[in-house]
C-alpha atoms as a PDB file:
ATOM      1  CA  MET A   1     -37.725 -33.884 -48.218  1.00  0.00           C
ATOM      2  CA  LYS A   2     -41.152 -34.142 -46.640  1.00  0.00           C
ATOM      3  CA  ARG A   3     -41.158 -33.109 -42.998  1.00  0.00           C
ATOM      4  CA  GLU A   4     -42.513 -35.649 -40.528  1.00  0.00           C
ATOM      5  CA  THR A   5     -45.464 -34.271 -38.606  1.00  0.00           C
ATOM      6  CA  HIS A   6     -45.564 -36.798 -35.741  1.00  0.00           C
ATOM      7  CA  ILE A   7     -43.140 -38.935 -33.762  1.00  0.00           C
ATOM      8  CA  ARG A   8     -42.708 -42.439 -35.176  1.00  0.00           C
ATOM      9  CA  SER A   9     -40.995 -45.427 -33.615  1.00  0.00           C
ATOM     10  CA  GLY A  10     -38.121 -44.901 -36.052  1.00  0.00           C
ATOM     11  CA  HIS A  11     -37.305 -41.588 -34.391  1.00  0.00           C
ATOM     12  CA  GLY A  12     -35.780 -43.596 -31.548  1.00  0.00           C
ATOM     13  CA  SER A  13     -33.988 -46.193 -33.650  1.00  0.00           C
ATOM     14  CA  GLY A  14     -30.649 -44.457 -34.159  1.00  0.00           C
ATOM     15  CA  GLY A  15     -31.214 -44.340 -37.918  1.00  0.00           C
ATOM     16  CA  ARG A  16     -32.172 -41.740 -40.496  1.00  0.00           C
ATOM     17  CA  LEU A  17     -35.362 -40.489 -38.800  1.00  0.00           C
ATOM     18  CA  MET A  18     -33.596 -40.014 -35.492  1.00  0.00           C
ATOM     19  CA  ASN A  19     -30.704 -38.157 -37.081  1.00  0.00           C
ATOM     20  CA  GLU A  20     -33.083 -35.939 -39.030  1.00  0.00           C
ATOM     21  CA  MET A  21     -34.921 -35.070 -35.810  1.00  0.00           C
ATOM     22  CA  ILE A  22     -31.697 -34.334 -33.920  1.00  0.00           C
ATOM     23  CA  ASP A  23     -30.173 -32.202 -36.687  1.00  0.00           C
ATOM     24  CA  GLY A  24     -33.336 -30.618 -38.057  1.00  0.00           C
ATOM     25  CA  ILE A  25     -35.209 -29.898 -34.836  1.00  0.00           C
ATOM     26  CA  ILE A  26     -33.285 -30.465 -31.588  1.00  0.00           C
ATOM     27  CA  ARG A  27     -29.887 -28.989 -32.528  1.00  0.00           C
ATOM     28  CA  GLU A  28     -31.481 -26.337 -34.721  1.00  0.00           C
ATOM     29  CA  ILE A  29     -33.565 -25.053 -31.796  1.00  0.00           C
ATOM     30  CA  LEU A  30     -31.225 -25.649 -28.846  1.00  0.00           C
ATOM     31  CA  GLY A  31     -28.122 -24.611 -30.791  1.00  0.00           C
ATOM     32  CA  ALA A  32     -25.769 -26.747 -32.866  1.00  0.00           C
ATOM     33  CA  GLU A  33     -22.820 -25.135 -31.097  1.00  0.00           C
ATOM     34  CA  ASN A  34     -24.172 -26.359 -27.740  1.00  0.00           C
ATOM     35  CA  VAL A  35     -25.572 -29.843 -28.322  1.00  0.00           C
ATOM     36  CA  GLN A  36     -22.541 -32.022 -28.987  1.00  0.00           C
ATOM     37  CA  LEU A  37     -23.103 -35.312 -30.793  1.00  0.00           C
ATOM     38  CA  ASP A  38     -20.356 -37.363 -29.156  1.00  0.00           C
ATOM     39  CA  ASP A  39     -20.923 -39.789 -26.263  1.00  0.00           C
ATOM     40  CA  ALA A  40     -20.404 -37.008 -23.728  1.00  0.00           C
ATOM     41  CA  ALA A  41     -20.104 -33.231 -23.740  1.00  0.00           C
ATOM     42  CA  ILE A  42     -16.715 -31.728 -22.916  1.00  0.00           C
ATOM     43  CA  VAL A  43     -16.941 -28.617 -20.760  1.00  0.00           C
ATOM     44  CA  ASP A  44     -14.352 -26.536 -18.931  1.00  0.00           C
ATOM     45  CA  ILE A  45     -14.806 -26.343 -15.161  1.00  0.00           C
ATOM     46  CA  PRO A  46     -13.651 -22.918 -13.945  1.00  0.00           C
ATOM     47  CA  SER A  47     -13.617 -24.068 -10.322  1.00  0.00           C
ATOM     48  CA  ASN A  48     -12.772 -27.228  -8.420  1.00  0.00           C
ATOM     49  CA  ARG A  49     -16.062 -27.202  -6.530  1.00  0.00           C
ATOM     50  CA  ILE A  50     -19.263 -27.866  -8.418  1.00  0.00           C
ATOM     51  CA  ALA A  51     -22.887 -28.693  -7.718  1.00  0.00           C
ATOM     52  CA  PHE A  52     -24.500 -31.475  -9.731  1.00  0.00           C
ATOM     53  CA  THR A  53     -28.202 -32.334  -9.832  1.00  0.00           C
ATOM     54  CA  THR A  54     -30.662 -34.337 -11.896  1.00  0.00           C
ATOM     55  CA  ASP A  55     -34.449 -34.509 -12.112  1.00  0.00           C
ATOM     56  CA  SER A  56     -37.196 -35.988 -14.288  1.00  0.00           C
ATOM     57  CA  TYR A  57     -40.365 -34.222 -15.381  1.00  0.00           C
ATOM     58  CA  THR A  58     -43.809 -35.547 -16.217  1.00  0.00           C
ATOM     59  CA  ILE A  59     -46.870 -33.334 -16.221  1.00  0.00           C
ATOM     60  CA  THR A  60     -50.420 -33.346 -17.554  1.00  0.00           C
ATOM     61  CA  PRO A  61     -51.096 -31.272 -19.558  1.00  0.00           C
ATOM     62  CA  ILE A  62     -47.632 -30.675 -21.014  1.00  0.00           C
ATOM     63  CA  PHE A  63     -48.741 -27.111 -21.889  1.00  0.00           C
ATOM     64  CA  PHE A  64     -50.242 -25.083 -19.048  1.00  0.00           C
ATOM     65  CA  PRO A  65     -50.869 -21.397 -18.258  1.00  0.00           C
ATOM     66  CA  GLY A  66     -47.468 -19.815 -17.737  1.00  0.00           C
ATOM     67  CA  GLY A  67     -45.318 -22.555 -19.224  1.00  0.00           C
ATOM     68  CA  ASP A  68     -44.887 -26.101 -20.433  1.00  0.00           C
ATOM     69  CA  ILE A  69     -42.880 -29.211 -19.608  1.00  0.00           C
ATOM     70  CA  GLY A  70     -39.776 -27.781 -21.321  1.00  0.00           C
ATOM     71  CA  LYS A  71     -39.707 -24.561 -19.322  1.00  0.00           C
ATOM     72  CA  LEU A  72     -40.470 -26.587 -16.206  1.00  0.00           C
ATOM     73  CA  ALA A  73     -37.501 -28.897 -16.779  1.00  0.00           C
ATOM     74  CA  VAL A  74     -34.986 -26.096 -17.258  1.00  0.00           C
ATOM     75  CA  CYS A  75     -36.256 -23.916 -14.409  1.00  0.00           C
ATOM     76  CA  GLY A  76     -36.503 -26.824 -11.980  1.00  0.00           C
ATOM     77  CA  THR A  77     -32.919 -27.896 -12.563  1.00  0.00           C
ATOM     78  CA  VAL A  78     -31.529 -24.348 -12.566  1.00  0.00           C
ATOM     79  CA  ASN A  79     -33.288 -23.599  -9.284  1.00  0.00           C
ATOM     80  CA  ASP A  80     -32.027 -26.779  -7.609  1.00  0.00           C
ATOM     81  CA  LEU A  81     -28.480 -25.613  -8.323  1.00  0.00           C
ATOM     82  CA  SER A  82     -29.136 -22.002  -7.375  1.00  0.00           C
ATOM     83  CA  VAL A  83     -30.497 -22.687  -3.878  1.00  0.00           C
ATOM     84  CA  MET A  84     -27.288 -24.550  -3.040  1.00  0.00           C
ATOM     85  CA  GLY A  85     -25.203 -21.484  -3.820  1.00  0.00           C
ATOM     86  CA  ALA A  86     -24.141 -22.519  -7.322  1.00  0.00           C
ATOM     87  CA  ARG A  87     -24.098 -20.583 -10.573  1.00  0.00           C
ATOM     88  CA  PRO A  88     -25.820 -22.889 -13.116  1.00  0.00           C
ATOM     89  CA  LEU A  89     -23.740 -23.400 -16.261  1.00  0.00           C
ATOM     90  CA  TRP A  90     -24.622 -26.576 -18.158  1.00  0.00           C
ATOM     91  CA  LEU A  91     -27.648 -28.831 -18.559  1.00  0.00           C
ATOM     92  CA  SER A  92     -28.322 -32.145 -20.226  1.00  0.00           C
ATOM     93  CA  CYS A  93     -31.668 -32.943 -21.828  1.00  0.00           C
ATOM     94  CA  ALA A  94     -33.008 -36.475 -22.273  1.00  0.00           C
ATOM     95  CA  LEU A  95     -36.348 -36.789 -24.083  1.00  0.00           C
ATOM     96  CA  ILE A  96     -38.697 -39.777 -23.858  1.00  0.00           C
ATOM     97  CA  LEU A  97     -41.249 -39.245 -26.600  1.00  0.00           C
ATOM     98  CA  GLU A  98     -44.472 -41.132 -27.185  1.00  0.00           C
ATOM     99  CA  GLU A  99     -45.113 -42.373 -30.692  1.00  0.00           C
ATOM    100  CA  GLY A 100     -47.707 -40.082 -32.282  1.00  0.00           C
ATOM    101  CA  LEU A 101     -46.567 -36.904 -30.540  1.00  0.00           C
ATOM    102  CA  ALA A 102     -46.948 -33.953 -32.904  1.00  0.00           C
ATOM    103  CA  MET A 103     -43.656 -32.520 -34.125  1.00  0.00           C
ATOM    104  CA  ASP A 104     -45.101 -29.043 -33.629  1.00  0.00           C
ATOM    105  CA  ASP A 105     -45.554 -29.822 -29.935  1.00  0.00           C
ATOM    106  CA  LEU A 106     -41.968 -31.061 -29.660  1.00  0.00           C
ATOM    107  CA  GLU A 107     -40.690 -27.895 -31.339  1.00  0.00           C
ATOM    108  CA  GLN A 108     -42.727 -25.687 -29.004  1.00  0.00           C
ATOM    109  CA  VAL A 109     -41.333 -27.481 -25.940  1.00  0.00           C
ATOM    110  CA  LEU A 110     -37.763 -27.218 -27.240  1.00  0.00           C
ATOM    111  CA  ARG A 111     -38.172 -23.503 -27.915  1.00  0.00           C
ATOM    112  CA  SER A 112     -39.426 -23.055 -24.346  1.00  0.00           C
ATOM    113  CA  MET A 113     -36.361 -24.900 -23.083  1.00  0.00           C
ATOM    114  CA  LYS A 114     -34.086 -22.680 -25.161  1.00  0.00           C
ATOM    115  CA  ASN A 115     -35.791 -19.492 -23.966  1.00  0.00           C
ATOM    116  CA  ALA A 116     -35.620 -20.575 -20.320  1.00  0.00           C
ATOM    117  CA  ALA A 117     -31.972 -21.598 -20.676  1.00  0.00           C
ATOM    118  CA  ASP A 118     -31.074 -18.267 -22.277  1.00  0.00           C
ATOM    119  CA  THR A 119     -32.883 -16.396 -19.503  1.00  0.00           C
ATOM    120  CA  ALA A 120     -31.036 -18.414 -16.849  1.00  0.00           C
ATOM    121  CA  GLY A 121     -27.671 -18.067 -18.578  1.00  0.00           C
ATOM    122  CA  VAL A 122     -27.121 -21.805 -18.988  1.00  0.00           C
ATOM    123  CA  ARG A 123     -26.257 -23.974 -21.995  1.00  0.00           C
ATOM    124  CA  ILE A 124     -27.924 -27.273 -22.894  1.00  0.00           C
ATOM    125  CA  VAL A 125     -24.834 -29.201 -23.988  1.00  0.00           C
ATOM    126  CA  THR A 126     -25.793 -32.864 -24.300  1.00  0.00           C
ATOM    127  CA  GLY A 127     -28.814 -35.120 -24.399  1.00  0.00           C
ATOM    128  CA  ASP A 128     -30.546 -38.257 -25.541  1.00  0.00           C
ATOM    129  CA  THR A 129     -33.797 -39.209 -27.248  1.00  0.00           C
ATOM    130  CA  LYS A 130     -35.907 -42.338 -26.897  1.00  0.00           C
ATOM    131  CA  VAL A 131     -39.271 -43.145 -28.463  1.00  0.00           C
ATOM    132  CA  VAL A 132     -41.760 -45.465 -26.771  1.00  0.00           C
ATOM    133  CA  GLY A 133     -44.955 -46.949 -28.139  1.00  0.00           C
ATOM    134  CA  LYS A 134     -48.220 -45.051 -28.231  1.00  0.00           C
ATOM    135  CA  GLY A 135     -49.825 -45.169 -24.799  1.00  0.00           C
ATOM    136  CA  ALA A 136     -46.556 -46.011 -23.024  1.00  0.00           C
ATOM    137  CA  ALA A 137     -45.851 -42.420 -21.956  1.00  0.00           C
ATOM    138  CA  ASP A 138     -47.863 -39.302 -21.193  1.00  0.00           C
ATOM    139  CA  ARG A 139     -46.897 -37.697 -24.548  1.00  0.00           C
ATOM    140  CA  MET A 140     -43.447 -36.689 -23.321  1.00  0.00           C
ATOM    141  CA  TYR A 141     -41.097 -37.111 -20.363  1.00  0.00           C
ATOM    142  CA  ILE A 142     -37.956 -35.042 -19.859  1.00  0.00           C
ATOM    143  CA  ASN A 143     -34.894 -35.741 -17.725  1.00  0.00           C
ATOM    144  CA  THR A 144     -32.402 -32.967 -17.107  1.00  0.00           C
ATOM    145  CA  ALA A 145     -29.120 -32.919 -15.227  1.00  0.00           C
ATOM    146  CA  GLY A 146     -27.311 -29.740 -14.313  1.00  0.00           C
ATOM    147  CA  ILE A 147     -23.832 -28.609 -13.307  1.00  0.00           C
ATOM    148  CA  GLY A 148     -23.052 -25.351 -11.569  1.00  0.00           C
ATOM    149  CA  VAL A 149     -20.037 -23.760  -9.940  1.00  0.00           C
ATOM    150  CA  ILE A 150     -20.229 -23.003  -6.219  1.00  0.00           C
ATOM    151  CA  GLU A 151     -19.949 -19.266  -5.602  1.00  0.00           C
ATOM    152  CA  GLY A 152     -18.636 -18.550  -2.121  1.00  0.00           C
ATOM    153  CA  SER A 153     -20.061 -20.937   0.447  1.00  0.00           C
ATOM    154  CA  ILE A 154     -22.813 -23.529   0.186  1.00  0.00           C
ATOM    155  CA  VAL A 155     -26.127 -22.174   1.502  1.00  0.00           C
ATOM    156  CA  ARG A 156     -26.314 -24.562   4.438  1.00  0.00           C
ATOM    157  CA  ARG A 157     -25.531 -23.033   7.849  1.00  0.00           C
ATOM    158  CA  GLU A 158     -26.719 -23.848  11.346  1.00  0.00           C
ATOM    159  CA  ILE A 159     -30.314 -22.750  11.932  1.00  0.00           C
ATOM    160  CA  THR A 160     -31.159 -21.402  15.398  1.00  0.00           C
ATOM    161  CA  PRO A 161     -34.286 -20.153  17.196  1.00  0.00           C
ATOM    162  CA  GLY A 162     -35.059 -16.578  16.250  1.00  0.00           C
ATOM    163  CA  ASP A 163     -34.192 -16.991  12.571  1.00  0.00           C
ATOM    164  CA  ALA A 164     -36.769 -15.610  10.143  1.00  0.00           C
ATOM    165  CA  ILE A 165     -38.554 -17.621   7.445  1.00  0.00           C
ATOM    166  CA  ILE A 166     -39.034 -15.835   4.118  1.00  0.00           C
ATOM    167  CA  VAL A 167     -40.767 -16.807   0.891  1.00  0.00           C
ATOM    168  CA  ASN A 168     -40.224 -14.775  -2.270  1.00  0.00           C
ATOM    169  CA  GLY A 169     -43.871 -14.518  -3.289  1.00  0.00           C
ATOM    170  CA  SER A 170     -47.347 -15.999  -3.585  1.00  0.00           C
ATOM    171  CA  ILE A 171     -47.578 -19.714  -2.890  1.00  0.00           C
ATOM    172  CA  GLY A 172     -49.470 -22.480  -4.656  1.00  0.00           C
ATOM    173  CA  ASP A 173     -49.662 -20.761  -8.056  1.00  0.00           C
ATOM    174  CA  HIS A 174     -48.144 -23.596 -10.089  1.00  0.00           C
ATOM    175  CA  GLY A 175     -50.038 -26.484  -8.537  1.00  0.00           C
ATOM    176  CA  ILE A 176     -53.423 -24.811  -8.692  1.00  0.00           C
ATOM    177  CA  ALA A 177     -52.900 -23.453 -12.238  1.00  0.00           C
ATOM    178  CA  VAL A 178     -51.939 -26.889 -13.555  1.00  0.00           C
ATOM    179  CA  MET A 179     -54.804 -28.609 -11.752  1.00  0.00           C
ATOM    180  CA  ALA A 180     -57.254 -26.050 -13.163  1.00  0.00           C
ATOM    181  CA  ALA A 181     -55.926 -26.575 -16.703  1.00  0.00           C
ATOM    182  CA  ARG A 182     -56.009 -30.351 -16.342  1.00  0.00           C
ATOM    183  CA  ASN A 183     -59.633 -30.327 -15.213  1.00  0.00           C
ATOM    184  CA  ASN A 184     -60.811 -27.536 -17.551  1.00  0.00           C
ATOM    185  CA  PHE A 185     -62.129 -25.372 -14.722  1.00  0.00           C
ATOM    186  CA  SER A 186     -64.094 -22.559 -16.361  1.00  0.00           C
ATOM    187  CA  PHE A 187     -63.741 -20.133 -13.443  1.00  0.00           C
ATOM    188  CA  THR A 188     -59.928 -19.949 -13.168  1.00  0.00           C
ATOM    189  CA  HIS A 189     -58.803 -17.993 -16.220  1.00  0.00           C
ATOM    190  CA  GLY A 190     -56.534 -15.770 -14.115  1.00  0.00           C
ATOM    191  CA  LEU A 191     -54.421 -18.618 -12.740  1.00  0.00           C
ATOM    192  CA  VAL A 192     -50.865 -18.784 -14.093  1.00  0.00           C
ATOM    193  CA  SER A 193     -47.933 -20.959 -13.054  1.00  0.00           C
ATOM    194  CA  ASP A 194     -45.029 -19.197 -11.339  1.00  0.00           C
ATOM    195  CA  CYS A 195     -42.484 -21.308 -13.272  1.00  0.00           C
ATOM    196  CA  ALA A 196     -39.282 -19.218 -13.509  1.00  0.00           C
ATOM    197  CA  PRO A 197     -35.492 -19.490 -13.163  1.00  0.00           C
ATOM    198  CA  LEU A 198     -34.393 -17.912  -9.870  1.00  0.00           C
ATOM    199  CA  TYR A 199     -30.609 -17.651 -10.062  1.00  0.00           C
ATOM    200  CA  GLY A 200     -30.604 -13.883 -10.628  1.00  0.00           C
ATOM    201  CA  MET A 201     -32.860 -13.215  -7.652  1.00  0.00           C
ATOM    202  CA  ILE A 202     -30.911 -15.557  -5.383  1.00  0.00           C
ATOM    203  CA  SER A 203     -27.540 -14.132  -6.379  1.00  0.00           C
ATOM    204  CA  ALA A 204     -28.792 -10.607  -5.625  1.00  0.00           C
ATOM    205  CA  VAL A 205     -29.594 -11.618  -2.061  1.00  0.00           C
ATOM    206  CA  ARG A 206     -26.389 -13.564  -1.563  1.00  0.00           C
ATOM    207  CA  GLY A 207     -24.325 -10.763  -3.025  1.00  0.00           C
ATOM    208  CA  ALA A 208     -25.721  -8.306  -0.474  1.00  0.00           C
ATOM    209  CA  PHE A 209     -25.793 -10.659   2.524  1.00  0.00           C
ATOM    210  CA  PRO A 210     -23.457 -13.598   1.828  1.00  0.00           C
ATOM    211  CA  GLU A 211     -23.551 -14.940   5.409  1.00  0.00           C
ATOM    212  CA  ALA A 212     -27.074 -13.987   6.521  1.00  0.00           C
ATOM    213  CA  VAL A 213     -28.903 -16.626   4.458  1.00  0.00           C
ATOM    214  CA  LYS A 214     -28.654 -19.928   6.310  1.00  0.00           C
ATOM    215  CA  PHE A 215     -30.854 -22.153   4.150  1.00  0.00           C
ATOM    216  CA  MET A 216     -32.694 -22.069   0.818  1.00  0.00           C
ATOM    217  CA  ARG A 217     -34.882 -24.613  -0.924  1.00  0.00           C
ATOM    218  CA  ASP A 218     -37.322 -24.289  -3.799  1.00  0.00           C
ATOM    219  CA  ALA A 219     -40.786 -25.344  -2.669  1.00  0.00           C
ATOM    220  CA  THR A 220     -41.830 -27.647  -5.517  1.00  0.00           C
ATOM    221  CA  ARG A 221     -43.746 -30.873  -4.867  1.00  0.00           C
ATOM    222  CA  GLY A 222     -45.224 -30.808  -1.380  1.00  0.00           C
ATOM    223  CA  GLY A 223     -45.052 -27.025  -1.241  1.00  0.00           C
ATOM    224  CA  VAL A 224     -43.857 -24.771   1.566  1.00  0.00           C
ATOM    225  CA  ALA A 225     -45.162 -27.085   4.282  1.00  0.00           C
ATOM    226  CA  SER A 226     -43.047 -30.020   3.103  1.00  0.00           C
ATOM    227  CA  VAL A 227     -39.870 -27.920   2.903  1.00  0.00           C
ATOM    228  CA  LEU A 228     -40.357 -26.678   6.454  1.00  0.00           C
ATOM    229  CA  ASN A 229     -41.042 -30.190   7.745  1.00  0.00           C
ATOM    230  CA  GLU A 230     -37.748 -31.320   6.241  1.00  0.00           C
ATOM    231  CA  ILE A 231     -35.956 -28.428   7.968  1.00  0.00           C
ATOM    232  CA  VAL A 232     -37.339 -29.114  11.470  1.00  0.00           C
ATOM    233  CA  LYS A 233     -37.226 -32.918  11.365  1.00  0.00           C
ATOM    234  CA  ASN A 234     -35.498 -34.293  14.494  1.00  0.00           C
ATOM    235  CA  ARG A 235     -34.436 -30.806  15.562  1.00  0.00           C
ATOM    236  CA  PRO A 236     -34.918 -29.277  19.037  1.00  0.00           C
ATOM    237  CA  TRP A 237     -36.872 -26.358  17.555  1.00  0.00           C
ATOM    238  CA  GLY A 238     -39.802 -25.848  15.220  1.00  0.00           C
ATOM    239  CA  ALA A 239     -41.198 -23.453  12.598  1.00  0.00           C
ATOM    240  CA  ILE A 240     -44.048 -21.111  13.467  1.00  0.00           C
ATOM    241  CA  LEU A 241     -45.913 -19.478  10.581  1.00  0.00           C
ATOM    242  CA  LYS A 242     -48.264 -16.509  10.734  1.00  0.00           C
ATOM    243  CA  GLU A 243     -51.356 -17.259   8.643  1.00  0.00           C
ATOM    244  CA  LYS A 244     -52.055 -13.561   8.046  1.00  0.00           C
ATOM    245  CA  SER A 245     -48.527 -13.126   6.625  1.00  0.00           C
ATOM    246  CA  LEU A 246     -48.808 -15.902   4.019  1.00  0.00           C
ATOM    247  CA  PRO A 247     -48.854 -14.473   0.477  1.00  0.00           C
ATOM    248  CA  VAL A 248     -51.640 -16.351  -1.322  1.00  0.00           C
ATOM    249  CA  LYS A 249     -53.416 -14.902  -4.358  1.00  0.00           C
ATOM    250  CA  GLY A 250     -57.148 -14.550  -4.059  1.00  0.00           C
ATOM    251  CA  GLU A 251     -57.896 -16.825  -7.021  1.00  0.00           C
ATOM    252  CA  VAL A 252     -55.582 -19.527  -5.648  1.00  0.00           C
ATOM    253  CA  GLN A 253     -57.177 -19.325  -2.204  1.00  0.00           C
ATOM    254  CA  ALA A 254     -60.663 -19.465  -3.755  1.00  0.00           C
ATOM    255  CA  VAL A 255     -59.898 -22.722  -5.611  1.00  0.00           C
ATOM    256  CA  CYS A 256     -58.230 -24.164  -2.517  1.00  0.00           C
ATOM    257  CA  ASP A 257     -61.242 -23.310  -0.363  1.00  0.00           C
ATOM    258  CA  LEU A 258     -63.619 -24.817  -2.908  1.00  0.00           C
ATOM    259  CA  LEU A 259     -61.713 -28.086  -3.175  1.00  0.00           C
ATOM    260  CA  GLY A 260     -60.499 -28.382   0.418  1.00  0.00           C
ATOM    261  CA  ILE A 261     -56.814 -27.889  -0.479  1.00  0.00           C
ATOM    262  CA  ASP A 262     -54.237 -26.211   1.723  1.00  0.00           C
ATOM    263  CA  PRO A 263     -52.100 -23.887  -0.451  1.00  0.00           C
ATOM    264  CA  LEU A 264     -49.135 -24.527   1.854  1.00  0.00           C
ATOM    265  CA  TYR A 265     -48.925 -28.045   0.376  1.00  0.00           C
ATOM    266  CA  ALA A 266     -49.494 -26.979  -3.242  1.00  0.00           C
ATOM    267  CA  ALA A 267     -46.525 -27.053  -5.622  1.00  0.00           C
ATOM    268  CA  ASN A 268     -44.543 -24.041  -6.744  1.00  0.00           C
ATOM    269  CA  GLU A 269     -41.963 -23.707  -9.513  1.00  0.00           C
ATOM    270  CA  GLY A 270     -40.734 -20.196  -8.813  1.00  0.00           C
ATOM    271  CA  LYS A 271     -40.739 -19.944  -5.038  1.00  0.00           C
ATOM    272  CA  VAL A 272     -37.908 -20.353  -2.540  1.00  0.00           C
ATOM    273  CA  VAL A 273     -38.167 -20.819   1.213  1.00  0.00           C
ATOM    274  CA  CYS A 274     -35.296 -19.010   2.970  1.00  0.00           C
ATOM    275  CA  VAL A 275     -34.176 -19.170   6.584  1.00  0.00           C
ATOM    276  CA  VAL A 276     -32.177 -16.049   7.411  1.00  0.00           C
ATOM    277  CA  GLU A 277     -30.743 -14.194  10.365  1.00  0.00           C
ATOM    278  CA  GLU A 278     -33.578 -12.196  11.867  1.00  0.00           C
ATOM    279  CA  SER A 279     -31.566  -8.969  11.976  1.00  0.00           C
ATOM    280  CA  HIS A 280     -31.262  -8.957   8.176  1.00  0.00           C
ATOM    281  CA  ALA A 281     -34.753 -10.256   7.320  1.00  0.00           C
ATOM    282  CA  ASP A 282     -36.341  -6.908   6.399  1.00  0.00           C
ATOM    283  CA  ASP A 283     -33.381  -5.898   4.250  1.00  0.00           C
ATOM    284  CA  ILE A 284     -33.459  -9.243   2.428  1.00  0.00           C
ATOM    285  CA  VAL A 285     -37.176  -8.842   1.761  1.00  0.00           C
ATOM    286  CA  ARG A 286     -36.481  -5.398   0.259  1.00  0.00           C
ATOM    287  CA  ILE A 287     -33.862  -6.884  -2.069  1.00  0.00           C
ATOM    288  CA  LEU A 288     -36.220  -9.665  -3.102  1.00  0.00           C
ATOM    289  CA  ARG A 289     -39.033  -7.196  -3.798  1.00  0.00           C
ATOM    290  CA  ALA A 290     -36.752  -5.286  -6.147  1.00  0.00           C
ATOM    291  CA  THR A 291     -36.681  -8.334  -8.463  1.00  0.00           C
ATOM    292  CA  GLU A 292     -39.487  -9.551 -10.706  1.00  0.00           C
ATOM    293  CA  GLU A 293     -39.500 -13.014  -9.107  1.00  0.00           C
ATOM    294  CA  GLY A 294     -39.552 -11.642  -5.563  1.00  0.00           C
ATOM    295  CA  ALA A 295     -42.024  -8.771  -5.895  1.00  0.00           C
ATOM    296  CA  ASP A 296     -44.377 -10.241  -3.276  1.00  0.00           C
ATOM    297  CA  ALA A 297     -41.706 -11.515  -0.863  1.00  0.00           C
ATOM    298  CA  ALA A 298     -42.635 -11.663   2.812  1.00  0.00           C
ATOM    299  CA  VAL A 299     -41.485 -12.864   6.200  1.00  0.00           C
ATOM    300  CA  ILE A 300     -43.957 -15.646   6.948  1.00  0.00           C
ATOM    301  CA  GLY A 301     -42.685 -16.954  10.280  1.00  0.00           C
ATOM    302  CA  ARG A 302     -39.862 -17.726  12.657  1.00  0.00           C
ATOM    303  CA  ILE A 303     -37.811 -20.619  13.964  1.00  0.00           C
ATOM    304  CA  GLU A 304     -38.780 -21.028  17.620  1.00  0.00           C
ATOM    305  CA  SER A 305     -37.879 -23.318  20.499  1.00  0.00           C
ATOM    306  CA  GLY A 306     -40.613 -25.202  22.305  1.00  0.00           C
ATOM    307  CA  PHE A 307     -42.081 -26.812  19.168  1.00  0.00           C
ATOM    308  CA  SER A 308     -39.489 -29.520  18.671  1.00  0.00           C
ATOM    309  CA  GLY A 309     -39.592 -30.932  15.112  1.00  0.00           C
ATOM    310  CA  LYS A 310     -42.986 -29.391  14.314  1.00  0.00           C
ATOM    311  CA  VAL A 311     -44.423 -26.877  11.855  1.00  0.00           C
ATOM    312  CA  VAL A 312     -47.260 -24.813  13.328  1.00  0.00           C
ATOM    313  CA  VAL A 313     -49.503 -22.141  11.841  1.00  0.00           C
ATOM    314  CA  GLU A 314     -50.897 -19.383  14.034  1.00  0.00           C
ATOM    315  CA  THR A 315     -54.323 -18.750  12.558  1.00  0.00           C
ATOM    316  CA  ALA A 316     -55.924 -15.363  11.958  1.00  0.00           C
ATOM    317  CA  ILE A 317     -58.272 -15.921  14.929  1.00  0.00           C
ATOM    318  CA  GLY A 318     -55.460 -16.749  17.343  1.00  0.00           C
ATOM    319  CA  GLY A 319     -55.510 -20.543  17.251  1.00  0.00           C
ATOM    320  CA  LYS A 320     -52.782 -22.959  16.204  1.00  0.00           C
ATOM    321  CA  ARG A 321     -52.831 -25.831  13.735  1.00  0.00           C
ATOM    322  CA  MET A 322     -50.201 -28.384  12.846  1.00  0.00           C
ATOM    323  CA  LEU A 323     -48.739 -28.807   9.368  1.00  0.00           C
ATOM    324  CA  PRO A 324     -47.572 -32.433   9.317  1.00  0.00           C
ATOM    325  CA  LEU A 325     -45.567 -34.052   6.552  1.00  0.00           C
ATOM    326  CA  LEU A 326     -48.158 -35.701   4.309  1.00  0.00           C
ATOM    327  CA  ALA A 327     -47.942 -39.440   3.715  1.00  0.00           C
ATOM    328  CA  GLU A 328     -49.223 -38.954   0.160  1.00  0.00           C
ATOM    329  CA  GLU A 329     -49.273 -36.013  -2.216  1.00  0.00           C
ATOM    330  CA  GLN A 330     -52.191 -33.650  -1.683  1.00  0.00           C
ATOM    331  CA  LEU A 331     -52.658 -33.255  -5.432  1.00  0.00           C
ATOM    332  CA  PRO A 332     -52.040 -35.477  -8.466  1.00  0.00           C
ATOM    333  CA  ARG A 333     -48.523 -35.168  -9.875  1.00  0.00           C
ATOM    334  CA  ILE A 334     -47.986 -31.683 -11.272  1.00  0.00           C
ATOM    335  CA  CYS A 335     -44.239 -31.673 -11.944  1.00  0.00           C
END
């Protein structure tokens, strides 16, 4: 039987073309033993307390340095579970495909999803496929939902002045790499997205210091600045960052300087902002640096009283500048 080379409207009809795509591509790549064909997947919950999340992914281009929309979808969902204190176990995958999408591109994205899922130790167990007319989607959209089992306590404890703020590595890599690829910048060949699943790194820290980590959130859209603004909102204390302590790669900073972008607002897909007890901060940084995803971890600031509900950066020359919550995104959508 001749293999279809591009998505046709019939691939979303529920008929022969759709079944051929599901059996011959989706289940073959993601695993026939995982992707059940009934109306819902049946999974065994080994605990009574679970975390459940969902997210949708649209990005231009769908392939970018360091990843693609498939890797992005798996890592984003896995990380949302991980920062809550859950061990990710199962994902769903819903594909919205534009008519005319090359089958080779679909296969490449699915293989990226499978590789990311295997790395994270999760199974993609159910899904759905829809096809829309040419021009009605940006080649491909993906929705994923994830279930994980809470290990120990949820990573949400009372934050107090004196707590340290840690990030597990260089910030802004994903947003700037995608923007450079989208605009065909010829001077940014070294830029690569940080897209990665972070459960292993997070569990290493929580295993060593189960009560010292008070808060974790992955700094995706809106970057580190937006996460910190959410933390301090309506609180009697604020977050003070040290500009000289911020881990920003030279090539990322160069593009940001050229375009007038603050890397603190640029998106990440492999970075977590942690608020931890100050007495354990250095030890937690050492644990993070022992992992691939946390090799450049650093304490970037503190929670302090006197700056109620505000995020402030102490500049390298001794001044202070505010980091407000932006009304609009600093960059076009990158995740």
